[in-house]
Amino acid sequence: MLESMKDRDFAVIARKTVEKAIGEHLDGTPLEISVELKNTAAVSRGRLGGLKGGKARAANLSPKRRKQIAKKAAKARWKQ
């Protein structure tokens, strides 16, 4: 019973929220990642698409379009 009351404590909930947001415990130790929640087939497909996505997109862009994208990125980066 004491454990269930602890889970409802605002400070405990806030601490857990902060730890999830920063990806580690407040003392610097890594969070335990629940692997069984991830679908390994979906993870591998996502990684495969991520590995070839940028190269495939760049190959399909014309030099003019690449230049437009680069200019827009530079303006955003330097706030101009």
PDB file of N, CA and C in Angstrom:
ATOM      1  N   MET A   1       0.818  -1.197   0.000  1.00  0.00           N
ATOM      2  CA  MET A   1       0.000   0.000   0.000  1.00  0.00           C
ATOM      3  C   MET A   1       0.862   1.261   0.000  1.00  0.00           C
ATOM      4  N   LEU A   2       1.954   1.231   0.710  1.00  0.00           N
ATOM      5  CA  LEU A   2       2.828   2.390   0.766  1.00  0.00           C
ATOM      6  C   LEU A   2       3.398   2.724  -0.607  1.00  0.00           C
ATOM      7  N   GLU A   3       3.700   1.707  -1.404  1.00  0.00           N
ATOM      8  CA  GLU A   3       4.262   1.923  -2.734  1.00  0.00           C
ATOM      9  C   GLU A   3       3.258   2.621  -3.657  1.00  0.00           C
ATOM     10  N   SER A   4       1.974   2.230  -3.571  1.00  0.00           N
ATOM     11  CA  SER A   4       0.978   2.863  -4.436  1.00  0.00           C
ATOM     12  C   SER A   4       0.758   4.322  -4.069  1.00  0.00           C
ATOM     13  N   MET A   5       0.883   4.654  -2.807  1.00  0.00           N
ATOM     14  CA  MET A   5       0.759   6.054  -2.392  1.00  0.00           C
ATOM     15  C   MET A   5       1.958   6.856  -2.892  1.00  0.00           C
ATOM     16  N   LYS A   6       3.121   6.227  -2.924  1.00  0.00           N
ATOM     17  CA  LYS A   6       4.327   6.901  -3.379  1.00  0.00           C
ATOM     18  C   LYS A   6       4.211   7.260  -4.861  1.00  0.00           C
ATOM     19  N   ASP A   7       3.574   6.386  -5.650  1.00  0.00           N
ATOM     20  CA  ASP A   7       3.405   6.648  -7.073  1.00  0.00           C
ATOM     21  C   ASP A   7       2.474   7.822  -7.351  1.00  0.00           C
ATOM     22  N   ARG A   8       1.663   8.173  -6.386  1.00  0.00           N
ATOM     23  CA  ARG A   8       0.738   9.299  -6.567  1.00  0.00           C
ATOM     24  C   ARG A   8       1.315  10.613  -6.059  1.00  0.00           C
ATOM     25  N   ASP A   9       2.468  10.565  -5.444  1.00  0.00           N
ATOM     26  CA  ASP A   9       3.104  11.770  -4.910  1.00  0.00           C
ATOM     27  C   ASP A   9       3.556  12.659  -6.074  1.00  0.00           C
ATOM     28  N   PHE A  10       3.228  13.938  -5.987  1.00  0.00           N
ATOM     29  CA  PHE A  10       3.548  14.878  -7.059  1.00  0.00           C
ATOM     30  C   PHE A  10       5.053  14.955  -7.307  1.00  0.00           C
ATOM     31  N   ALA A  11       5.835  14.953  -6.252  1.00  0.00           N
ATOM     32  CA  ALA A  11       7.287  15.059  -6.405  1.00  0.00           C
ATOM     33  C   ALA A  11       7.857  13.840  -7.129  1.00  0.00           C
ATOM     34  N   VAL A  12       7.340  12.654  -6.831  1.00  0.00           N
ATOM     35  CA  VAL A  12       7.813  11.440  -7.489  1.00  0.00           C
ATOM     36  C   VAL A  12       7.443  11.463  -8.967  1.00  0.00           C
ATOM     37  N   ILE A  13       6.225  11.872  -9.264  1.00  0.00           N
ATOM     38  CA  ILE A  13       5.774  11.951 -10.661  1.00  0.00           C
ATOM     39  C   ILE A  13       6.599  12.985 -11.421  1.00  0.00           C
ATOM     40  N   ALA A  14       6.862  14.125 -10.802  1.00  0.00           N
ATOM     41  CA  ALA A  14       7.650  15.173 -11.446  1.00  0.00           C
ATOM     42  C   ALA A  14       9.074  14.691 -11.720  1.00  0.00           C
ATOM     43  N   ARG A  15       9.664  14.000 -10.756  1.00  0.00           N
ATOM     44  CA  ARG A  15      11.027  13.492 -10.934  1.00  0.00           C
ATOM     45  C   ARG A  15      11.085  12.491 -12.089  1.00  0.00           C
ATOM     46  N   LYS A  16      10.111  11.572 -12.132  1.00  0.00           N
ATOM     47  CA  LYS A  16      10.083  10.591 -13.211  1.00  0.00           C
ATOM     48  C   LYS A  16       9.913  11.270 -14.571  1.00  0.00           C
ATOM     49  N   THR A  17       9.103  12.323 -14.619  1.00  0.00           N
ATOM     50  CA  THR A  17       8.882  13.053 -15.862  1.00  0.00           C
ATOM     51  C   THR A  17      10.167  13.712 -16.338  1.00  0.00           C
ATOM     52  N   VAL A  18      10.884  14.345 -15.410  1.00  0.00           N
ATOM     53  CA  VAL A  18      12.150  14.998 -15.766  1.00  0.00           C
ATOM     54  C   VAL A  18      13.165  13.961 -16.232  1.00  0.00           C
ATOM     55  N   GLU A  19      13.242  12.843 -15.535  1.00  0.00           N
ATOM     56  CA  GLU A  19      14.189  11.794 -15.914  1.00  0.00           C
ATOM     57  C   GLU A  19      13.888  11.249 -17.309  1.00  0.00           C
ATOM     58  N   LYS A  20      12.605  11.066 -17.635  1.00  0.00           N
ATOM     59  CA  LYS A  20      12.241  10.607 -18.975  1.00  0.00           C
ATOM     60  C   LYS A  20      12.639  11.645 -20.023  1.00  0.00           C
ATOM     61  N   ALA A  21      12.446  12.918 -19.692  1.00  0.00           N
ATOM     62  CA  ALA A  21      12.735  13.986 -20.645  1.00  0.00           C
ATOM     63  C   ALA A  21      14.232  14.082 -20.945  1.00  0.00           C
ATOM     64  N   ILE A  22      15.073  13.890 -19.924  1.00  0.00           N
ATOM     65  CA  ILE A  22      16.516  14.018 -20.140  1.00  0.00           C
ATOM     66  C   ILE A  22      17.170  12.685 -20.497  1.00  0.00           C
ATOM     67  N   GLY A  23      16.432  11.588 -20.354  1.00  0.00           N
ATOM     68  CA  GLY A  23      16.936  10.290 -20.754  1.00  0.00           C
ATOM     69  C   GLY A  23      17.857   9.612 -19.763  1.00  0.00           C
ATOM     70  N   GLU A  24      17.916  10.113 -18.551  1.00  0.00           N
ATOM     71  CA  GLU A  24      18.747   9.490 -17.515  1.00  0.00           C
ATOM     72  C   GLU A  24      18.218   9.877 -16.146  1.00  0.00           C
ATOM     73  N   HIS A  25      18.666   9.144 -15.135  1.00  0.00           N
ATOM     74  CA  HIS A  25      18.281   9.497 -13.768  1.00  0.00           C
ATOM     75  C   HIS A  25      18.985  10.789 -13.373  1.00  0.00           C
ATOM     76  N   LEU A  26      18.466  11.462 -12.371  1.00  0.00           N
ATOM     77  CA  LEU A  26      19.054  12.730 -11.957  1.00  0.00           C
ATOM     78  C   LEU A  26      20.466  12.560 -11.408  1.00  0.00           C
ATOM     79  N   ASP A  27      20.829  11.364 -10.964  1.00  0.00           N
ATOM     80  CA  ASP A  27      22.197  11.139 -10.494  1.00  0.00           C
ATOM     81  C   ASP A  27      23.155  10.802 -11.637  1.00  0.00           C
ATOM     82  N   GLY A  28      22.662  10.782 -12.888  1.00  0.00           N
ATOM     83  CA  GLY A  28      23.507  10.559 -14.045  1.00  0.00           C
ATOM     84  C   GLY A  28      23.514   9.143 -14.570  1.00  0.00           C
ATOM     85  N   THR A  29      22.892   8.211 -13.871  1.00  0.00           N
ATOM     86  CA  THR A  29      22.858   6.829 -14.350  1.00  0.00           C
ATOM     87  C   THR A  29      21.819   6.708 -15.464  1.00  0.00           C
ATOM     88  N   PRO A  30      22.066   5.831 -16.442  1.00  0.00           N
ATOM     89  CA  PRO A  30      21.120   5.702 -17.562  1.00  0.00           C
ATOM     90  C   PRO A  30      19.812   5.060 -17.129  1.00  0.00           C
ATOM     91  N   LEU A  31      18.745   5.412 -17.834  1.00  0.00           N
ATOM     92  CA  LEU A  31      17.443   4.794 -17.594  1.00  0.00           C
ATOM     93  C   LEU A  31      17.443   3.380 -18.134  1.00  0.00           C
ATOM     94  N   GLU A  32      16.658   2.527 -17.536  1.00  0.00           N
ATOM     95  CA  GLU A  32      16.489   1.181 -18.051  1.00  0.00           C
ATOM     96  C   GLU A  32      15.471   1.261 -19.182  1.00  0.00           C
ATOM     97  N   ILE A  33      15.880   0.890 -20.374  1.00  0.00           N
ATOM     98  CA  ILE A  33      14.999   0.950 -21.532  1.00  0.00           C
ATOM     99  C   ILE A  33      14.283  -0.381 -21.663  1.00  0.00           C
ATOM    100  N   SER A  34      12.974  -0.308 -21.774  1.00  0.00           N
ATOM    101  CA  SER A  34      12.178  -1.514 -21.909  1.00  0.00           C
ATOM    102  C   SER A  34      12.215  -1.967 -23.357  1.00  0.00           C
ATOM    103  N   VAL A  35      13.010  -2.985 -23.645  1.00  0.00           N
ATOM    104  CA  VAL A  35      13.208  -3.451 -25.010  1.00  0.00           C
ATOM    105  C   VAL A  35      11.986  -4.197 -25.525  1.00  0.00           C
ATOM    106  N   GLU A  36      11.259  -4.879 -24.654  1.00  0.00           N
ATOM    107  CA  GLU A  36      10.142  -5.681 -25.115  1.00  0.00           C
ATOM    108  C   GLU A  36       8.988  -4.845 -25.671  1.00  0.00           C
ATOM    109  N   LEU A  37       9.009  -3.538 -25.458  1.00  0.00           N
ATOM    110  CA  LEU A  37       7.960  -2.678 -25.990  1.00  0.00           C
ATOM    111  C   LEU A  37       8.179  -2.352 -27.470  1.00  0.00           C
ATOM    112  N   LYS A  38       9.398  -2.584 -27.961  1.00  0.00           N
ATOM    113  CA  LYS A  38       9.708  -2.237 -29.340  1.00  0.00           C
ATOM    114  C   LYS A  38       9.563  -3.459 -30.242  1.00  0.00           C
ATOM    115  N   ASN A  39       8.990  -3.239 -31.396  1.00  0.00           N
ATOM    116  CA  ASN A  39       8.861  -4.287 -32.401  1.00  0.00           C
ATOM    117  C   ASN A  39      10.162  -4.303 -33.201  1.00  0.00           C
ATOM    118  N   THR A  40      10.928  -5.386 -33.080  1.00  0.00           N
ATOM    119  CA  THR A  40      12.244  -5.431 -33.721  1.00  0.00           C
ATOM    120  C   THR A  40      12.160  -5.329 -35.242  1.00  0.00           C
ATOM    121  N   ALA A  41      11.116  -5.867 -35.839  1.00  0.00           N
ATOM    122  CA  ALA A  41      10.965  -5.766 -37.292  1.00  0.00           C
ATOM    123  C   ALA A  41      10.743  -4.310 -37.702  1.00  0.00           C
ATOM    124  N   ALA A  42       9.938  -3.600 -36.938  1.00  0.00           N
ATOM    125  CA  ALA A  42       9.678  -2.192 -37.250  1.00  0.00           C
ATOM    126  C   ALA A  42      10.934  -1.352 -37.043  1.00  0.00           C
ATOM    127  N   VAL A  43      11.693  -1.673 -36.016  1.00  0.00           N
ATOM    128  CA  VAL A  43      12.936  -0.946 -35.750  1.00  0.00           C
ATOM    129  C   VAL A  43      13.917  -1.132 -36.899  1.00  0.00           C
ATOM    130  N   SER A  44      14.053  -2.351 -37.375  1.00  0.00           N
ATOM    131  CA  SER A  44      14.996  -2.606 -38.472  1.00  0.00           C
ATOM    132  C   SER A  44      14.546  -1.935 -39.768  1.00  0.00           C
ATOM    133  N   ARG A  45      13.245  -1.940 -40.046  1.00  0.00           N
ATOM    134  CA  ARG A  45      12.751  -1.250 -41.254  1.00  0.00           C
ATOM    135  C   ARG A  45      12.983   0.248 -41.150  1.00  0.00           C
ATOM    136  N   GLY A  46      12.753   0.813 -39.974  1.00  0.00           N
ATOM    137  CA  GLY A  46      12.975   2.240 -39.786  1.00  0.00           C
ATOM    138  C   GLY A  46      14.432   2.611 -39.957  1.00  0.00           C
ATOM    139  N   ARG A  47      15.311   1.778 -39.434  1.00  0.00           N
ATOM    140  CA  ARG A  47      16.739   2.038 -39.576  1.00  0.00           C
ATOM    141  C   ARG A  47      17.158   1.930 -41.040  1.00  0.00           C
ATOM    142  N   LEU A  48      16.650   0.938 -41.734  1.00  0.00           N
ATOM    143  CA  LEU A  48      16.994   0.757 -43.138  1.00  0.00           C
ATOM    144  C   LEU A  48      16.573   1.973 -43.955  1.00  0.00           C
ATOM    145  N   GLY A  49      15.372   2.448 -43.729  1.00  0.00           N
ATOM    146  CA  GLY A  49      14.896   3.630 -44.441  1.00  0.00           C
ATOM    147  C   GLY A  49      15.702   4.861 -44.086  1.00  0.00           C
ATOM    148  N   GLY A  50      16.087   4.981 -42.819  1.00  0.00           N
ATOM    149  CA  GLY A  50      16.870   6.126 -42.380  1.00  0.00           C
ATOM    150  C   GLY A  50      18.259   6.141 -42.988  1.00  0.00           C
ATOM    151  N   LEU A  51      18.830   4.966 -43.180  1.00  0.00           N
ATOM    152  CA  LEU A  51      20.181   4.897 -43.735  1.00  0.00           C
ATOM    153  C   LEU A  51      20.231   5.324 -45.201  1.00  0.00           C
ATOM    154  N   LYS A  52      19.185   5.016 -45.952  1.00  0.00           N
ATOM    155  CA  LYS A  52      19.237   5.362 -47.371  1.00  0.00           C
ATOM    156  C   LYS A  52      18.395   6.587 -47.722  1.00  0.00           C
ATOM    157  N   GLY A  53      17.644   7.117 -46.791  1.00  0.00           N
ATOM    158  CA  GLY A  53      16.730   8.216 -47.073  1.00  0.00           C
ATOM    159  C   GLY A  53      17.385   9.486 -47.561  1.00  0.00           C
ATOM    160  N   GLY A  54      18.404   9.966 -46.854  1.00  0.00           N
ATOM    161  CA  GLY A  54      19.060  11.215 -47.230  1.00  0.00           C
ATOM    162  C   GLY A  54      19.765  11.118 -48.565  1.00  0.00           C
ATOM    163  N   LYS A  55      20.437   9.995 -48.792  1.00  0.00           N
ATOM    164  CA  LYS A  55      21.152   9.803 -50.058  1.00  0.00           C
ATOM    165  C   LYS A  55      20.172   9.716 -51.227  1.00  0.00           C
ATOM    166  N   ALA A  56      19.067   9.010 -51.017  1.00  0.00           N
ATOM    167  CA  ALA A  56      18.075   8.871 -52.083  1.00  0.00           C
ATOM    168  C   ALA A  56      17.434  10.213 -52.394  1.00  0.00           C
ATOM    169  N   ARG A  57      17.152  10.989 -51.360  1.00  0.00           N
ATOM    170  CA  ARG A  57      16.547  12.308 -51.587  1.00  0.00           C
ATOM    171  C   ARG A  57      17.515  13.219 -52.322  1.00  0.00           C
ATOM    172  N   ALA A  58      18.776  13.216 -51.918  1.00  0.00           N
ATOM    173  CA  ALA A  58      19.773  14.067 -52.566  1.00  0.00           C
ATOM    174  C   ALA A  58      19.952  13.690 -54.034  1.00  0.00           C
ATOM    175  N   ALA A  59      19.879  12.409 -54.332  1.00  0.00           N
ATOM    176  CA  ALA A  59      20.043  11.968 -55.721  1.00  0.00           C
ATOM    177  C   ALA A  59      18.893  12.446 -56.594  1.00  0.00           C
ATOM    178  N   ASN A  60      17.714  12.617 -56.015  1.00  0.00           N
ATOM    179  CA  ASN A  60      16.551  13.037 -56.795  1.00  0.00           C
ATOM    180  C   ASN A  60      16.410  14.550 -56.922  1.00  0.00           C
ATOM    181  N   LEU A  61      17.184  15.312 -56.165  1.00  0.00           N
ATOM    182  CA  LEU A  61      17.082  16.767 -56.223  1.00  0.00           C
ATOM    183  C   LEU A  61      17.924  17.334 -57.358  1.00  0.00           C
ATOM    184  N   SER A  62      17.396  18.366 -57.985  1.00  0.00           N
ATOM    185  CA  SER A  62      18.170  19.047 -59.013  1.00  0.00           C
ATOM    186  C   SER A  62      19.166  19.988 -58.317  1.00  0.00           C
ATOM    187  N   PRO A  63      20.224  20.378 -59.007  1.00  0.00           N
ATOM    188  CA  PRO A  63      21.175  21.321 -58.402  1.00  0.00           C
ATOM    189  C   PRO A  63      20.506  22.641 -57.984  1.00  0.00           C
ATOM    190  N   LYS A  64      19.539  23.096 -58.773  1.00  0.00           N
ATOM    191  CA  LYS A  64      18.838  24.345 -58.454  1.00  0.00           C
ATOM    192  C   LYS A  64      18.068  24.203 -57.144  1.00  0.00           C
ATOM    193  N   ARG A  65      17.376  23.081 -56.980  1.00  0.00           N
ATOM    194  CA  ARG A  65      16.577  22.847 -55.760  1.00  0.00           C
ATOM    195  C   ARG A  65      17.488  22.688 -54.540  1.00  0.00           C
ATOM    196  N   ARG A  66      18.633  22.004 -54.706  1.00  0.00           N
ATOM    197  CA  ARG A  66      19.581  21.866 -53.603  1.00  0.00           C
ATOM    198  C   ARG A  66      20.077  23.228 -53.145  1.00  0.00           C
ATOM    199  N   LYS A  67      20.317  24.116 -54.113  1.00  0.00           N
ATOM    200  CA  LYS A  67      20.786  25.461 -53.792  1.00  0.00           C
ATOM    201  C   LYS A  67      19.711  26.241 -53.026  1.00  0.00           C
ATOM    202  N   GLN A  68      18.463  26.089 -53.428  1.00  0.00           N
ATOM    203  CA  GLN A  68      17.363  26.751 -52.724  1.00  0.00           C
ATOM    204  C   GLN A  68      17.284  26.267 -51.275  1.00  0.00           C
ATOM    205  N   ILE A  69      17.383  24.965 -51.083  1.00  0.00           N
ATOM    206  CA  ILE A  69      17.317  24.384 -49.742  1.00  0.00           C
ATOM    207  C   ILE A  69      18.493  24.870 -48.892  1.00  0.00           C
ATOM    208  N   ALA A  70      19.682  24.932 -49.487  1.00  0.00           N
ATOM    209  CA  ALA A  70      20.865  25.375 -48.763  1.00  0.00           C
ATOM    210  C   ALA A  70      20.748  26.834 -48.342  1.00  0.00           C
ATOM    211  N   LYS A  71      20.210  27.677 -49.227  1.00  0.00           N
ATOM    212  CA  LYS A  71      20.025  29.091 -48.893  1.00  0.00           C
ATOM    213  C   LYS A  71      19.029  29.251 -47.748  1.00  0.00           C
ATOM    214  N   LYS A  72      17.944  28.509 -47.815  1.00  0.00           N
ATOM    215  CA  LYS A  72      16.935  28.576 -46.756  1.00  0.00           C
ATOM    216  C   LYS A  72      17.522  28.121 -45.415  1.00  0.00           C
ATOM    217  N   ALA A  73      18.313  27.063 -45.445  1.00  0.00           N
ATOM    218  CA  ALA A  73      18.939  26.566 -44.224  1.00  0.00           C
ATOM    219  C   ALA A  73      19.919  27.584 -43.655  1.00  0.00           C
ATOM    220  N   ALA A  74      20.699  28.219 -44.520  1.00  0.00           N
ATOM    221  CA  ALA A  74      21.661  29.218 -44.054  1.00  0.00           C
ATOM    222  C   ALA A  74      20.947  30.411 -43.424  1.00  0.00           C
ATOM    223  N   LYS A  75      19.854  30.842 -44.054  1.00  0.00           N
ATOM    224  CA  LYS A  75      19.083  31.969 -43.489  1.00  0.00           C
ATOM    225  C   LYS A  75      18.534  31.604 -42.118  1.00  0.00           C
ATOM    226  N   ALA A  76      18.009  30.388 -41.996  1.00  0.00           N
ATOM    227  CA  ALA A  76      17.468  29.952 -40.706  1.00  0.00           C
ATOM    228  C   ALA A  76      18.570  29.842 -39.660  1.00  0.00           C
ATOM    229  N   ARG A  77      19.711  29.335 -40.072  1.00  0.00           N
ATOM    230  CA  ARG A  77      20.830  29.152 -39.150  1.00  0.00           C
ATOM    231  C   ARG A  77      21.365  30.482 -38.645  1.00  0.00           C
ATOM    232  N   TRP A  78      21.466  31.449 -39.519  1.00  0.00           N
ATOM    233  CA  TRP A  78      22.051  32.737 -39.157  1.00  0.00           C
ATOM    234  C   TRP A  78      20.983  33.799 -38.898  1.00  0.00           C
ATOM    235  N   LYS A  79      19.725  33.401 -38.891  1.00  0.00           N
ATOM    236  CA  LYS A  79      18.588  34.280 -38.552  1.00  0.00           C
ATOM    237  C   LYS A  79      18.569  35.548 -39.409  1.00  0.00           C
ATOM    238  N   GLN A  80      18.698  35.386 -40.711  1.00  0.00           N
ATOM    239  CA  GLN A  80      18.683  36.533 -41.599  1.00  0.00           C
ATOM    240  C   GLN A  80      17.413  36.607 -42.382  1.00  0.00           C
TER     241      GLN A  80
END
